Amino acid sequence: MPKQKSHSGTKKRFWLTATGKVKAPHGGKNHKAETKNRKRKRNLRQNTIVSSARESVVKSMIPYKA
């Protein structure tokens, strides 16, 4: 059976923690940033854990990272 291909965009945007959870950066930092307050933009710099509903979809797109 041939090897699976990893999704290139997913490889660049998501990574796994030691416990197997999927981490991702927040979106919405760049466009229309002048209307967002300082605290909101600062909090968007932090990474977030992907929800369990989407976690299996992301893991199937990066089979060799998982």
Protein backbone atom coordinates (compact mmCIF):
# COMPACT_ATOMS: atom_id res chain seq x y z
CA MET A 1 0.00 0.00 0.00
CA PRO A 2 1.43 3.43 -0.88
CA LYS A 3 2.31 5.99 1.74
CA GLN A 4 -0.21 8.69 2.62
CA LYS A 5 0.50 12.27 1.68
CA SER A 6 0.51 14.91 4.38
CA HIS A 7 -1.42 18.11 3.77
CA SER A 8 1.20 20.84 3.32
CA GLY A 9 -0.87 23.66 4.80
CA THR A 10 -1.72 21.57 7.85
CA LYS A 11 1.93 20.65 8.41
CA LYS A 12 2.83 24.33 8.64
CA ARG A 13 -0.06 25.45 10.88
CA PHE A 14 -0.57 22.69 13.45
CA TRP A 15 1.68 20.76 15.79
CA LEU A 16 1.23 18.15 18.50
CA THR A 17 1.87 18.37 22.22
CA ALA A 18 3.56 15.58 24.17
CA THR A 19 0.16 14.29 25.27
CA GLY A 20 -1.13 14.14 21.68
CA LYS A 21 -3.31 17.25 21.65
CA VAL A 22 -3.21 19.51 18.60
CA LYS A 23 -2.02 23.11 19.00
CA ALA A 24 -2.72 25.90 16.55
CA PRO A 25 -2.16 29.64 16.35
CA HIS A 26 -5.10 32.01 16.65
CA GLY A 27 -6.36 33.64 13.48
CA GLY A 28 -7.44 37.22 12.93
CA LYS A 29 -4.29 39.02 14.02
CA ASN A 30 -3.47 40.90 10.86
CA HIS A 31 -6.51 42.11 8.97
CA LYS A 32 -8.38 45.09 10.49
CA ALA A 33 -6.11 45.00 13.55
CA GLU A 34 -6.64 48.70 14.26
CA THR A 35 -10.21 48.03 15.38
CA LYS A 36 -9.13 45.39 17.91
CA ASN A 37 -8.00 46.53 21.34
CA ARG A 38 -4.51 45.90 22.70
CA LYS A 39 -5.52 43.13 25.09
CA ARG A 40 -7.34 41.23 22.34
CA LYS A 41 -4.36 41.39 19.98
CA ARG A 42 -2.00 40.33 22.76
CA ASN A 43 -4.18 37.30 23.56
CA LEU A 44 -4.29 36.34 19.87
CA ARG A 45 -0.50 35.88 19.97
CA GLN A 46 -0.89 32.84 22.21
CA ASN A 47 -1.51 29.39 20.79
CA THR A 48 -4.68 27.43 21.43
CA ILE A 49 -5.68 23.77 21.66
CA VAL A 50 -7.84 22.53 18.79
CA SER A 51 -11.27 21.27 19.84
CA SER A 52 -11.77 17.53 20.13
CA ALA A 53 -14.30 17.63 17.28
CA ARG A 54 -11.68 18.97 14.83
CA GLU A 55 -8.71 17.14 16.34
CA SER A 56 -9.32 13.90 14.45
CA VAL A 57 -9.63 15.77 11.14
CA VAL A 58 -6.33 17.56 11.67
CA LYS A 59 -4.55 14.37 12.77
CA SER A 60 -5.71 12.54 9.65
CA MET A 61 -4.20 15.30 7.50
CA ILE A 62 -0.77 14.94 9.17
CA PRO A 63 -0.42 11.16 9.60
CA TYR A 64 3.35 11.14 10.16
CA LYS A 65 3.35 13.88 12.78
CA ALA A 66 0.77 12.03 14.84
